[in-house]
Protein backbone atom coordinates (compact mmCIF):
# COMPACT_ATOMS: atom_id res chain seq x y z
CA MET A 1 3.40 -5.84 11.17
CA LYS A 2 4.91 -4.32 8.04
CA GLN A 3 7.40 -1.49 8.55
CA TYR A 4 6.30 1.17 6.09
CA GLU A 5 8.90 3.20 4.19
CA ILE A 6 8.36 6.97 4.24
CA LEU A 7 10.30 9.67 2.39
CA LEU A 8 10.15 13.06 4.15
CA VAL A 9 11.16 16.06 2.02
CA ASP A 10 11.60 19.60 3.37
CA ASP A 11 14.23 22.32 3.10
CA ASP A 12 13.66 23.21 6.76
CA PRO A 13 16.01 21.07 8.92
CA PHE A 14 13.78 21.54 11.98
CA ILE A 15 10.82 20.00 10.12
CA LEU A 16 12.98 17.06 9.00
CA ILE A 17 14.21 16.40 12.54
CA ALA A 18 10.89 16.93 14.35
CA ILE A 19 8.58 15.07 11.97
CA GLY A 20 11.23 12.47 11.10
CA HIS A 21 11.84 11.51 14.73
CA ALA A 22 8.13 11.53 15.55
CA LEU A 23 7.40 9.10 12.68
CA GLU A 24 10.35 6.86 13.57
CA ASN A 25 9.06 6.68 17.16
CA GLN A 26 5.79 5.38 15.70
CA GLY A 27 7.66 2.51 14.01
CA TYR A 28 7.99 3.90 10.48
CA GLN A 29 11.21 3.67 8.46
CA VAL A 30 11.96 7.28 7.51
CA THR A 31 14.34 8.59 4.84
CA THR A 32 14.84 12.36 4.70
CA ALA A 33 15.80 14.77 1.92
CA ASP A 34 16.52 18.47 2.43
CA SER A 35 15.71 19.49 -1.16
CA GLY A 36 13.57 18.47 -4.10
CA VAL A 37 16.69 17.61 -6.09
CA GLU A 38 17.91 15.18 -3.42
CA ALA A 39 14.42 13.72 -3.10
CA ALA A 40 14.20 13.13 -6.87
CA GLU A 41 17.51 11.24 -6.77
CA ILE A 42 16.30 9.08 -3.87
CA ILE A 43 12.94 8.36 -5.57
CA ALA A 44 14.77 7.20 -8.70
CA LYS A 45 16.65 4.58 -6.66
CA LYS A 46 14.16 3.44 -4.03
CA ASN A 47 10.45 2.70 -3.62
CA PHE A 48 8.38 4.17 -0.79
CA ASP A 49 4.94 3.55 0.62
CA LEU A 50 4.44 7.24 1.40
CA VAL A 51 6.11 10.53 0.44
CA ILE A 52 5.58 13.61 2.62
CA THR A 53 6.87 16.68 0.82
CA ASP A 54 6.99 20.41 1.41
CA LEU A 55 5.19 22.31 -1.34
CA VAL A 56 7.48 25.34 -1.72
CA MET A 57 11.13 24.48 -2.42
CA ASP A 58 13.79 25.74 -4.82
CA SER A 59 14.60 23.88 -8.05
CA ILE A 60 12.16 20.97 -7.73
CA ASP A 61 9.09 21.87 -5.67
CA GLY A 62 6.49 19.65 -4.01
CA ILE A 63 4.46 19.36 -7.22
CA GLY A 64 7.58 18.09 -9.00
CA ILE A 65 8.13 15.51 -6.24
CA LEU A 66 4.47 14.51 -6.44
CA LYS A 67 4.71 13.93 -10.20
CA ARG A 68 8.00 12.00 -9.97
CA SER A 69 6.66 9.83 -7.14
CA LYS A 70 3.46 8.92 -9.00
CA GLU A 71 5.34 8.28 -12.27
CA LYS A 72 7.67 5.87 -10.47
CA ASP A 73 4.86 4.12 -8.56
CA PRO A 74 1.21 5.10 -9.13
CA GLU A 75 0.28 3.39 -5.84
CA VAL A 76 2.60 5.51 -3.66
CA MET A 77 0.78 7.86 -1.31
CA VAL A 78 1.82 11.53 -1.29
CA ILE A 79 1.06 14.10 1.41
CA ILE A 80 1.81 17.75 0.66
CA LEU A 81 3.07 19.99 3.50
CA THR A 82 2.03 23.60 3.02
CA GLY A 83 1.82 26.94 4.82
CA TYR A 84 -1.43 28.83 5.24
CA GLY A 85 -0.65 31.08 2.28
CA ASP A 86 -0.31 28.13 -0.11
CA MET A 87 -3.88 26.76 0.08
CA ARG A 88 -4.62 27.32 -3.61
CA SER A 89 -1.45 25.41 -4.50
CA ALA A 90 -2.40 22.62 -2.08
CA ILE A 91 -5.82 22.28 -3.73
CA ASN A 92 -4.08 22.17 -7.11
CA ALA A 93 -1.83 19.39 -5.76
CA LEU A 94 -4.92 17.36 -4.82
CA ARG A 95 -6.16 17.77 -8.40
CA LEU A 96 -2.81 16.38 -9.55
CA ASP A 97 -3.38 13.19 -7.50
CA ALA A 98 -1.88 14.12 -4.13
CA ASP A 99 -3.54 11.97 -1.49
CA ASP A 100 -3.67 14.55 1.30
CA TYR A 101 -2.18 17.81 2.54
CA LEU A 102 -1.10 19.11 5.92
CA LEU A 103 -0.94 22.73 7.04
CA LYS A 104 2.25 23.80 8.78
CA PRO A 105 2.80 23.92 11.66
CA CYS A 106 1.03 20.66 12.53
CA GLU A 107 0.69 18.63 15.69
CA PRO A 108 2.23 15.12 15.83
CA GLU A 109 -1.22 13.57 16.43
CA GLU A 110 -2.50 15.12 13.19
CA ILE A 111 0.53 13.84 11.28
CA PHE A 112 0.08 10.33 12.69
CA PHE A 113 -3.63 10.36 11.79
CA ARG A 114 -3.03 11.51 8.20
CA VAL A 115 -0.13 9.10 7.67
CA SER A 116 -2.14 6.19 9.05
CA ARG A 117 -5.13 7.07 6.88
CA CYS A 118 -2.99 7.29 3.73
CA LEU A 119 -1.30 3.95 4.43
CA GLU A 120 -4.68 2.28 5.05
CA LYS A 121 -5.87 3.68 1.72
CA ARG A 122 -2.74 2.27 0.05
CA GLU A 123 -3.40 -1.20 1.48
CA PHE A 124 -7.03 -1.01 0.40
CA LYS A 125 -6.03 -0.06 -3.16
CA LYS A 126 -3.47 -2.90 -3.26
CA LYS A 127 -6.13 -5.39 -2.18
CA ILE A 128 -8.57 -4.15 -4.83
CA LYS A 129 -5.86 -4.50 -7.49
CA PHE A 130 -5.03 -7.94 -6.13
CA TYR A 131 -8.65 -9.10 -6.41
CA GLU A 132 -8.94 -7.66 -9.92
CA GLU A 133 -5.93 -9.72 -10.99
CA ILE A 134 -7.00 -13.02 -9.44
CA LEU A 135 -8.44 -14.44 -12.66
CA PRO A 136 -8.10 -16.94 -14.24
CA VAL A 137 -9.20 -19.58 -11.75
CA CYS A 138 -9.44 -23.28 -12.67
CA CYS A 139 -13.11 -24.30 -12.48
CA GLN A 140 -12.15 -27.78 -11.22
CA CYS A 141 -9.27 -27.49 -8.73
CA LYS A 142 -9.67 -23.70 -8.08
CA LYS A 143 -5.97 -22.99 -8.61
CA ILE A 144 -5.00 -19.56 -9.96
CA ARG A 145 -2.77 -18.98 -12.96
CA ASP A 146 -0.11 -16.46 -12.01
CA ASP A 147 0.77 -14.61 -15.23
CA GLY A 148 2.73 -11.90 -13.38
CA GLY A 149 5.80 -10.99 -15.46
CA LYS A 150 5.04 -13.68 -18.04
CA GLU A 151 3.30 -13.98 -21.39
CA PRO A 152 -0.48 -14.02 -20.68
CA GLY A 153 -1.63 -17.62 -20.44
CA SER A 154 1.83 -19.06 -19.70
CA GLY A 155 1.93 -18.57 -15.93
CA GLN A 156 2.22 -21.29 -13.32
CA TRP A 157 -0.93 -22.64 -11.65
CA VAL A 158 -0.74 -22.12 -7.88
CA SER A 159 -3.07 -22.46 -4.92
CA LEU A 160 -5.14 -19.48 -3.81
CA GLU A 161 -3.29 -19.51 -0.49
CA LYS A 162 0.14 -19.30 -2.14
CA PHE A 163 -1.00 -16.64 -4.62
CA ALA A 164 -2.57 -14.47 -1.91
CA TRP A 165 0.54 -14.64 0.25
CA GLU A 166 3.07 -13.96 -2.53
CA LYS A 167 1.13 -11.09 -4.11
CA ALA A 168 -0.40 -9.27 -1.14
CA LYS A 169 0.93 -10.96 2.01
CA ILE A 170 -2.66 -11.98 2.81
CA LYS A 171 -3.00 -15.16 4.85
CA VAL A 172 -5.91 -17.26 3.65
CA THR A 173 -7.42 -19.66 6.16
CA SER A 174 -9.28 -22.77 5.01
CA SER A 175 -12.81 -23.46 6.10
CA TYR A 176 -16.08 -24.97 4.83
CA CYS A 177 -19.06 -23.02 3.59
CA PRO A 178 -22.40 -24.20 5.10
CA THR A 179 -23.31 -26.24 2.00
CA CYS A 180 -19.95 -28.06 1.83
CA LEU A 181 -19.98 -28.60 5.60
CA LYS A 182 -23.40 -30.25 5.35
CA GLU A 183 -22.28 -32.45 2.45
CA MET A 184 -19.08 -33.41 4.29
CA SER A 185 -21.03 -34.25 7.46
CA GLU A 186 -23.47 -36.41 5.49
CA GLU A 187 -20.55 -38.22 3.83
CA ILE A 188 -18.87 -38.86 7.21
CA ASN A 189 -22.17 -40.15 8.66
CA LYS A 190 -22.58 -42.54 5.70
CA ILE A 191 -19.06 -43.90 6.18
CA ALA A 192 -19.61 -44.27 9.92
CA SER A 193 -22.94 -46.12 9.36
CA LYS A 194 -21.28 -48.56 6.94
CA GLU A 195 -18.48 -49.25 9.42
CA GLN A 196 -21.05 -49.97 12.17
CA GLU A 197 -22.87 -52.43 9.89
CA LEU A 198 -19.62 -54.36 9.47
């Protein structure tokens, strides 16, 4: 199972310790930042699957972290942490492409549920993007041209299995559709009948 990378941003050290440890105990790799400025520096250097950020902070607030995160990687998930008095700001954050928000204080079970849901959404979006980029496929051998990072049309032709694994870590198993299975069975029966005649 993939170990997801999470950036946790809050100027309250108790939040960082409590939520950070709870997420690490669930198997997530957690990096913490005690200010928006520190978080912005970390985001510039490293990619994350999920950013959980406090909304109200000095200098760079949660909206600033949201914008920087999405600019760096549009597929990163962002959860906004907010107090009860900040609901209007939280709704505004959702309009700015935040993926979810959590009211403080929050129970560990609620955090785990929201984190899990966001990461599932991220995987779903990655798979959709993956399927959108599958073309072109050779009509004869069914290999896929991988143009990633190359001039369109100049990529290497690779098997579907290799492409799926390298791009999305999806394991493709081989099988026969009912039509091909029937044709293959008929072909095997013909060969077996000929061998019996000999």
